Every structure is written in structure tokens, then in C-alpha cells.
């Protein structure tokens, strides 16, 4: 199964700039920033990572779901296309609120 409503999926700018590529983030973001930067992603070109995450969600099936009363979390696993071409394996997490048809990116980390 692919991520539902994939055509509406989006990656908030703040999730990339203030979390995934933020070397100053205190709750796990720093380690993720080091990881993603190692593969050529940069905060200056944050849109490159956002597009790679969208492509990742489109390329792979949902590995697991976690239904909650007001939303469902979807986990996607596989390679992400990176600027340096090494394409590491990651897990990305997406959420769809009960009253929405827009998957929103939540997090990503190495597998």
C-alpha cells in the first residue's frame, strides 16, 4: 500500500530547517542533521531534502501504520536519493489527520 493521498503530501519547511538539518536541535535533531548532511543535504537548499522525502514516500510502500483516535501515522522505509549519490536507507514518518487528506511529513531517521 502506498501512502494514502500521496498527491497531497507536503513537507513543512520548519521540519527541515528547524529539525532535520538543525545542528543546534536538542531533542534528536542534531544527530539527524549530522546524518543527512553527511549525504550532501544542506539547510541552504532545504527544498532538496523536502523533494527527496516526497520522492521517498512515492517510491516505497507503507511499512507500518499506527492508528490513533484523531490521526494515523504511516511509516515508509527505503532509500532516499541524496545529493552525493550514496542514497542511504531511511525511515520516514507521515501523519494524516482524521479530517484531512493531506499527508504531512513528521520525521525521518536512518535505518
Protein backbone atom coordinates (compact mmCIF):
# COMPACT_ATOMS: atom_id res chain seq x y z
CA UNK A 1 0.00 0.00 0.00
CA UNK A 2 1.28 3.46 -0.90
CA UNK A 3 0.88 6.46 1.36
CA UNK A 4 -2.79 7.50 1.01
CA UNK A 5 -3.42 10.82 -0.75
CA UNK A 6 0.23 10.92 -1.83
CA UNK A 7 -0.54 13.66 -4.37
CA UNK A 8 -1.36 15.97 -1.44
CA UNK A 9 1.68 15.13 0.69
CA UNK A 10 3.79 18.01 1.94
CA UNK A 11 6.94 18.63 3.95
CA UNK A 12 6.81 21.74 6.17
CA UNK A 13 9.85 23.98 5.76
CA UNK A 14 10.24 24.20 9.55
CA UNK A 15 10.57 20.41 9.84
CA UNK A 16 13.64 20.56 7.62
CA UNK A 17 15.26 23.81 8.73
CA UNK A 18 14.45 23.72 12.45
CA UNK A 19 14.65 19.96 12.98
CA UNK A 20 16.21 17.59 10.43
CA UNK A 21 19.04 19.92 9.38
CA UNK A 22 19.39 21.85 12.64
CA UNK A 23 22.74 21.15 14.30
CA UNK A 24 21.52 23.04 17.39
CA UNK A 25 18.35 20.98 17.97
CA UNK A 26 18.40 19.43 21.44
CA UNK A 27 15.97 16.50 21.02
CA UNK A 28 17.46 14.25 18.36
CA UNK A 29 17.60 16.79 15.56
CA UNK A 30 21.35 17.30 15.86
CA UNK A 31 22.13 13.62 15.18
CA UNK A 32 19.70 13.60 12.26
CA UNK A 33 21.29 16.78 10.89
CA UNK A 34 24.73 15.20 11.01
CA UNK A 35 23.37 12.12 9.24
CA UNK A 36 21.59 13.97 6.43
CA UNK A 37 24.39 16.50 5.94
CA UNK A 38 26.84 13.61 5.54
CA UNK A 39 24.97 12.75 2.32
CA UNK A 40 25.11 16.29 0.91
CA UNK A 41 21.85 17.81 2.16
CA UNK A 42 22.16 21.42 3.35
CA UNK A 43 19.98 23.86 5.22
CA UNK A 44 20.58 26.46 2.48
CA UNK A 45 18.98 24.12 -0.08
CA UNK A 46 16.40 22.64 2.29
CA UNK A 47 13.99 22.08 -0.62
CA UNK A 48 16.30 19.34 -1.96
CA UNK A 49 15.67 17.27 1.18
CA UNK A 50 11.96 18.07 1.10
CA UNK A 51 11.70 16.84 -2.50
CA UNK A 52 13.77 13.75 -1.70
CA UNK A 53 11.41 12.90 1.17
CA UNK A 54 8.38 13.27 -1.10
CA UNK A 55 10.05 11.05 -3.71
CA UNK A 56 10.89 8.53 -0.97
CA UNK A 57 7.23 8.36 0.08
CA UNK A 58 6.18 7.87 -3.55
CA UNK A 59 8.76 5.18 -4.28
CA UNK A 60 8.08 2.78 -1.40
CA UNK A 61 5.12 1.09 0.19
CA UNK A 62 3.94 1.86 3.70
CA UNK A 63 5.82 -0.46 6.08
CA UNK A 64 3.51 0.08 9.06
CA UNK A 65 0.68 2.21 10.37
CA UNK A 66 -0.31 3.44 13.81
CA UNK A 67 -3.97 4.47 14.03
CA UNK A 68 -4.83 6.95 16.78
CA UNK A 69 -8.22 8.49 17.57
CA UNK A 70 -7.60 11.69 15.58
CA UNK A 71 -4.91 10.66 13.08
CA UNK A 72 -2.97 7.83 11.51
CA UNK A 73 0.81 7.63 11.36
CA UNK A 74 2.37 5.97 8.31
CA UNK A 75 5.94 4.67 8.17
CA UNK A 76 7.79 4.35 4.86
CA UNK A 77 11.17 2.64 4.57
CA UNK A 78 13.72 2.60 1.75
CA UNK A 79 16.48 4.57 0.03
CA UNK A 80 16.40 8.33 -0.17
CA UNK A 81 18.03 9.91 -3.20
CA UNK A 82 20.86 12.06 -1.84
CA UNK A 83 22.91 14.85 -3.43
CA UNK A 84 26.12 12.84 -3.16
CA UNK A 85 24.55 9.74 -4.76
CA UNK A 86 25.13 7.33 -1.86
CA UNK A 87 21.37 7.09 -1.17
CA UNK A 88 21.10 5.84 2.43
CA UNK A 89 18.24 3.74 3.79
CA UNK A 90 15.85 5.78 5.94
CA UNK A 91 12.52 5.51 7.68
CA UNK A 92 10.14 8.43 7.15
CA UNK A 93 7.03 9.08 9.21
CA UNK A 94 3.92 10.79 7.87
CA UNK A 95 0.64 11.68 9.54
CA UNK A 96 -2.85 12.17 8.17
CA UNK A 97 -5.33 13.86 10.49
CA UNK A 98 -8.80 12.27 10.58
CA UNK A 99 -10.44 15.27 8.91
CA UNK A 100 -7.71 15.72 6.28
CA UNK A 101 -6.49 14.21 3.03
CA UNK A 102 -3.02 15.78 3.26
CA UNK A 103 -0.16 13.58 4.47
CA UNK A 104 2.21 15.75 6.48
CA UNK A 105 5.84 14.80 7.00
CA UNK A 106 6.69 14.25 10.67
CA UNK A 107 10.19 12.79 10.90
CA UNK A 108 12.91 10.72 9.26
CA UNK A 109 15.88 8.82 10.53
CA UNK A 110 18.45 6.25 9.37
CA UNK A 111 17.60 2.59 9.19
